[in-house]
Amino acid sequence: MATADRVQILVEPILEAEGLELYDLELDGGVLRVLVDREGGADIGSISKVARALSRALDEHDPIDGRYTLEVSTPGLERPLRTPGHFAQAIGTAVKVKTKPGVEGDRRSEGTIAAADADGVTVRDDAGVARTFRYEDIERARTVFVWGPANDERKAKVR
């Protein structure tokens, strides 16, 4: 069983007990990133409580060889998209996509996710042009926070 799978088995029950869900788990070099979320957002108290519980469980079960740093946070407003599920949840959302070198077309694309399935994602730009990416061709993708008219009106009223 892969290290990430062993860690995920430890992480999920701890998150569920706090009413959180695992958004993403990444072991990159010496850093274990655990991104958590819940409907309406996760508060700092829940994140702190989960971080302490995860630290104890990881120390007790020791699923990772060597030294590492544990980071527990939310994915934020501009969240990374790494799995087909992430892309499917973000349909209708503004995104930035960077492809791997050698993939045909521009390496950087921006637009709105029009569709996502098990094989790839379709992004439609502001001109209405759609481009489909296979997941294995994506180097990095994330949602983009777009300031809406409600925010512009609020700013105008505050001045």
Protein backbone atom coordinates (compact mmCIF):
# COMPACT_ATOMS: atom_id res chain seq x y z
CA MET A 1 0.00 0.00 0.00
CA ALA A 2 1.34 3.44 -0.96
CA THR A 3 2.28 5.93 1.77
CA ALA A 4 -0.45 8.38 0.73
CA ASP A 5 -3.05 5.60 0.98
CA ARG A 6 -1.87 4.65 4.47
CA VAL A 7 -2.04 8.29 5.55
CA GLN A 8 -5.51 8.74 4.03
CA ILE A 9 -6.80 5.75 6.01
CA LEU A 10 -5.62 7.47 9.21
CA VAL A 11 -6.87 10.93 8.23
CA GLU A 12 -10.44 10.33 7.09
CA PRO A 13 -11.99 9.09 10.40
CA ILE A 14 -10.40 11.99 12.29
CA LEU A 15 -11.86 14.49 9.82
CA GLU A 16 -15.29 12.84 9.86
CA ALA A 17 -15.39 13.09 13.66
CA GLU A 18 -14.98 16.86 13.32
CA GLY A 19 -17.51 17.14 10.46
CA LEU A 20 -14.84 17.86 7.87
CA GLU A 21 -14.06 16.18 4.57
CA LEU A 22 -10.73 15.54 2.95
CA TYR A 23 -10.32 17.81 -0.08
CA ASP A 24 -6.77 16.78 -0.90
CA LEU A 25 -3.76 15.06 0.60
CA GLU A 26 -0.28 15.58 -0.79
CA LEU A 27 3.07 14.28 0.37
CA ASP A 28 5.62 16.47 -1.39
CA GLY A 29 9.21 16.11 -0.25
CA GLY A 30 9.23 16.71 3.47
CA VAL A 31 5.74 18.25 3.66
CA LEU A 32 2.44 16.44 4.24
CA ARG A 33 -0.38 18.77 3.18
CA VAL A 34 -3.89 17.90 4.31
CA LEU A 35 -6.55 20.18 2.83
CA VAL A 36 -9.92 19.99 4.55
CA ASP A 37 -13.31 21.49 3.82
CA ARG A 38 -16.97 21.41 4.80
CA GLU A 39 -20.17 22.98 3.57
CA GLY A 40 -19.99 26.63 4.57
CA GLY A 41 -16.23 26.43 5.19
CA ALA A 42 -14.00 25.15 7.95
CA ASP A 43 -13.22 27.34 10.96
CA ILE A 44 -9.81 27.76 12.58
CA GLY A 45 -10.92 25.92 15.74
CA SER A 46 -11.83 22.79 13.79
CA ILE A 47 -8.64 22.95 11.76
CA SER A 48 -6.52 23.30 14.92
CA LYS A 49 -8.31 20.41 16.63
CA VAL A 50 -7.86 18.18 13.57
CA ALA A 51 -4.19 19.16 13.21
CA ARG A 52 -3.48 18.08 16.80
CA ALA A 53 -5.40 14.80 16.37
CA LEU A 54 -3.66 14.07 13.05
CA SER A 55 -0.26 14.78 14.55
CA ARG A 56 -0.92 12.31 17.40
CA ALA A 57 -2.24 9.62 15.00
CA LEU A 58 0.69 10.04 12.61
CA ASP A 59 3.18 9.84 15.49
CA GLU A 60 1.48 6.71 16.84
CA HIS A 61 1.14 4.83 13.53
CA ASP A 62 4.25 6.27 11.80
CA PRO A 63 3.09 5.70 8.17
CA ILE A 64 5.71 8.04 6.66
CA ASP A 65 9.41 7.24 6.48
CA GLY A 66 11.74 10.00 7.62
CA ARG A 67 11.03 13.51 8.80
CA TYR A 68 8.19 15.65 7.50
CA THR A 69 6.17 18.73 8.35
CA LEU A 70 2.38 18.46 8.72
CA GLU A 71 0.31 21.29 7.21
CA VAL A 72 -3.47 21.31 7.71
CA SER A 73 -5.56 24.01 6.04
CA THR A 74 -8.49 24.66 3.75
CA PRO A 75 -8.02 24.76 -0.02
CA GLY A 76 -8.94 28.48 0.06
CA LEU A 77 -10.83 30.57 -2.46
CA GLU A 78 -8.42 29.76 -5.26
CA ARG A 79 -8.23 26.03 -4.72
CA PRO A 80 -5.99 23.56 -6.49
CA LEU A 81 -7.68 21.13 -8.88
CA ARG A 82 -5.89 17.78 -8.97
CA THR A 83 -8.51 15.04 -9.24
CA PRO A 84 -11.42 14.41 -11.62
CA GLY A 85 -13.70 15.00 -8.61
CA HIS A 86 -12.19 18.45 -8.01
CA PHE A 87 -12.83 19.42 -11.63
CA ALA A 88 -16.40 18.03 -11.55
CA GLN A 89 -17.19 20.02 -8.37
CA ALA A 90 -15.87 23.18 -10.07
CA ILE A 91 -18.10 23.07 -13.18
CA GLY A 92 -19.21 26.64 -13.85
CA THR A 93 -16.20 28.07 -11.99
CA ALA A 94 -13.43 30.26 -13.41
CA VAL A 95 -10.09 28.44 -13.65
CA LYS A 96 -6.49 28.74 -14.79
CA VAL A 97 -4.88 25.69 -16.36
CA LYS A 98 -1.22 25.15 -17.18
CA THR A 99 -0.35 22.17 -19.36
CA LYS A 100 2.80 20.10 -19.32
CA PRO A 101 5.53 20.96 -21.84
CA GLY A 102 4.91 19.46 -25.26
CA VAL A 103 1.11 19.54 -25.10
CA GLU A 104 -0.36 21.09 -28.24
CA GLY A 105 -1.63 24.67 -27.91
CA ASP A 106 -0.90 27.41 -25.41
CA ARG A 107 0.48 26.16 -22.11
CA ARG A 108 -1.70 28.57 -20.12
CA SER A 109 -5.46 28.79 -20.46
CA GLU A 110 -8.15 30.65 -18.54
CA GLY A 111 -11.89 30.27 -18.66
CA THR A 112 -14.83 28.53 -17.07
CA ILE A 113 -15.14 24.79 -16.62
CA ALA A 114 -17.91 23.72 -18.99
CA ALA A 115 -17.64 19.94 -18.43
CA ALA A 116 -15.56 17.36 -16.60
CA ASP A 117 -15.58 13.57 -16.68
CA ALA A 118 -13.25 10.72 -15.78
CA ASP A 119 -10.87 11.48 -18.68
CA GLY A 120 -10.60 15.24 -18.83
CA VAL A 121 -12.03 18.72 -18.48
CA THR A 122 -13.39 21.26 -20.97
CA VAL A 123 -12.66 24.93 -20.36
CA ARG A 124 -14.51 27.68 -22.25
CA ASP A 125 -12.72 31.04 -22.54
CA ASP A 126 -14.36 34.49 -22.53
CA ALA A 127 -14.71 34.38 -26.34
CA GLY A 128 -16.69 31.12 -26.05
CA VAL A 129 -13.91 28.94 -27.44
CA ALA A 130 -13.76 25.56 -25.70
CA ARG A 131 -10.61 23.52 -25.14
CA THR A 132 -10.55 20.02 -23.69
CA PHE A 133 -7.62 18.86 -21.57
CA ARG A 134 -6.79 15.29 -20.60
CA TYR A 135 -5.93 15.18 -16.91
CA GLU A 136 -2.53 13.64 -17.60
CA ASP A 137 -1.67 16.69 -19.77
CA ILE A 138 -2.31 19.19 -16.95
CA GLU A 139 0.69 20.33 -14.94
CA ARG A 140 -1.30 22.60 -12.62
CA ALA A 141 -4.85 23.95 -12.35
CA ARG A 142 -6.71 26.09 -9.85
CA THR A 143 -9.93 27.98 -9.44
CA VAL A 144 -9.82 31.76 -9.78
CA PHE A 145 -11.72 34.09 -7.48
CA VAL A 146 -13.66 36.59 -9.61
CA TRP A 147 -14.90 39.79 -8.04
CA GLY A 148 -18.59 40.05 -8.82
CA PRO A 149 -20.99 42.98 -9.19
CA ALA A 150 -22.12 42.63 -5.57
CA ASN A 151 -18.56 43.34 -4.43
CA ASP A 152 -18.25 46.32 -6.80
CA GLU A 153 -21.55 47.78 -5.49
CA ARG A 154 -20.42 47.32 -1.89
CA LYS A 155 -17.16 49.17 -2.64
CA ALA A 156 -19.09 52.00 -4.27
CA LYS A 157 -21.36 52.34 -1.21
CA VAL A 158 -18.44 52.33 1.23
CA ARG A 159 -16.65 55.28 -0.42
